[in-house]
């Protein structure tokens, strides 16, 4: 029977044990605060097309590293901006900071 993965686990069991994957994941976690700051800067300056593009990239990266909630919020931002619903997108951006703490323990 398959094991249910916690939301902070990698998408494929065992990948965290690979040094190459661990290094890429560590880079993702280390650069995440800057990526989130960029999202806020783009929103503040009204650059919504670029914000949607950056949210799309974050959605994919977060999904690859098992950060489901973060990926869902980034996807919400992207989807609503593409639909012209800036207010809902910005509401999701307001919530994204609570889901960006780097994962501890599995990054060694």
Protein backbone atom coordinates (compact mmCIF):
# COMPACT_ATOMS: atom_id res chain seq x y z
CA UNK A 1 0.00 0.00 0.00
CA UNK A 2 1.42 3.47 -0.94
CA UNK A 3 2.44 5.78 1.86
CA UNK A 4 0.69 9.16 2.02
CA UNK A 5 3.30 11.91 1.80
CA UNK A 6 3.16 14.95 4.07
CA UNK A 7 2.76 18.29 2.28
CA UNK A 8 6.46 19.16 2.76
CA UNK A 9 7.79 15.92 1.33
CA UNK A 10 9.20 15.63 -2.17
CA UNK A 11 6.82 14.51 -4.89
CA UNK A 12 8.63 11.17 -5.35
CA UNK A 13 9.66 9.09 -2.34
CA UNK A 14 13.40 8.62 -2.06
CA UNK A 15 14.45 11.65 -4.09
CA UNK A 16 15.52 13.53 -0.97
CA UNK A 17 18.17 10.85 -0.44
CA UNK A 18 19.85 11.75 -3.74
CA UNK A 19 22.56 14.39 -3.22
CA UNK A 20 21.77 16.08 -6.52
CA UNK A 21 18.09 16.46 -5.67
CA UNK A 22 18.88 17.62 -2.15
CA UNK A 23 21.16 20.34 -3.57
CA UNK A 24 18.47 21.56 -5.97
CA UNK A 25 15.86 21.51 -3.23
CA UNK A 26 18.20 23.46 -0.93
CA UNK A 27 18.66 26.08 -3.65
CA UNK A 28 14.88 26.33 -4.06
CA UNK A 29 14.39 26.84 -0.32
CA UNK A 30 17.25 29.36 -0.07
CA UNK A 31 15.98 31.48 -2.96
CA UNK A 32 12.32 31.33 -1.97
CA UNK A 33 12.28 34.49 0.18
CA UNK A 34 13.71 36.52 -2.72
CA UNK A 35 11.21 35.03 -5.16
CA UNK A 36 8.35 35.94 -2.85
CA UNK A 37 9.70 39.46 -2.41
CA UNK A 38 9.74 39.78 -6.20
CA UNK A 39 6.06 38.78 -6.35
CA UNK A 40 5.22 41.54 -3.88
CA UNK A 41 7.31 44.09 -5.80
CA UNK A 42 5.60 43.21 -9.07
CA UNK A 43 2.18 43.52 -7.44
CA UNK A 44 3.06 46.87 -5.87
CA UNK A 45 4.23 48.25 -9.21
CA UNK A 46 1.22 46.93 -11.13
CA UNK A 47 3.24 44.55 -13.31
CA UNK A 48 0.52 41.92 -13.34
CA UNK A 49 1.58 40.09 -16.50
CA UNK A 50 5.05 39.48 -15.08
CA UNK A 51 3.51 38.62 -11.70
CA UNK A 52 1.41 35.92 -13.40
CA UNK A 53 4.51 34.57 -15.15
CA UNK A 54 6.53 34.45 -11.91
CA UNK A 55 3.60 32.87 -10.04
CA UNK A 56 3.41 30.19 -12.75
CA UNK A 57 7.10 29.35 -12.32
CA UNK A 58 6.73 29.26 -8.53
CA UNK A 59 3.70 26.98 -8.86
CA UNK A 60 5.75 24.45 -10.81
CA UNK A 61 8.80 24.65 -8.57
CA UNK A 62 6.76 24.35 -5.39
CA UNK A 63 4.99 21.32 -6.79
CA UNK A 64 8.27 19.66 -7.70
CA UNK A 65 9.47 20.00 -4.12
CA UNK A 66 6.28 18.90 -2.40
CA UNK A 67 5.19 22.38 -1.31
CA UNK A 68 1.55 21.80 -2.28
CA UNK A 69 -0.03 24.71 -0.40
CA UNK A 70 2.50 27.17 -1.76
CA UNK A 71 1.99 25.81 -5.26
CA UNK A 72 -1.78 26.11 -4.94
CA UNK A 73 -1.54 29.72 -3.80
CA UNK A 74 0.84 30.56 -6.65
CA UNK A 75 -1.56 28.86 -9.06
CA UNK A 76 -4.44 30.91 -7.68
CA UNK A 77 -2.47 34.09 -8.25
CA UNK A 78 -1.65 33.11 -11.82
CA UNK A 79 -5.17 31.95 -12.69
CA UNK A 80 -6.92 35.03 -11.35
CA UNK A 81 -4.47 37.44 -12.98
CA UNK A 82 -4.95 35.69 -16.34
CA UNK A 83 -8.71 36.12 -15.85
CA UNK A 84 -8.30 39.80 -14.99
CA UNK A 85 -9.35 39.31 -11.35
CA UNK A 86 -6.56 41.31 -9.74
CA UNK A 87 -8.27 41.65 -6.35
CA UNK A 88 -8.54 37.88 -5.81
CA UNK A 89 -4.97 37.37 -7.03
CA UNK A 90 -3.67 39.96 -4.60
CA UNK A 91 -5.68 38.34 -1.80
CA UNK A 92 -3.88 35.06 -2.50
CA UNK A 93 -0.56 36.90 -2.52
CA UNK A 94 -1.36 38.27 0.94
CA UNK A 95 -1.66 34.68 2.20
CA UNK A 96 1.43 33.30 0.48
CA UNK A 97 3.93 34.50 3.09
CA UNK A 98 2.53 32.05 5.64
CA UNK A 99 3.58 29.17 3.36
CA UNK A 100 7.14 30.10 2.51
CA UNK A 101 9.21 29.10 5.52
CA UNK A 102 12.16 27.02 4.28
CA UNK A 103 11.88 23.36 5.20
CA UNK A 104 14.20 22.38 8.00
CA UNK A 105 15.86 19.05 8.60
CA UNK A 106 15.70 17.51 5.11
CA UNK A 107 18.02 20.10 3.57
CA UNK A 108 21.31 18.81 4.93
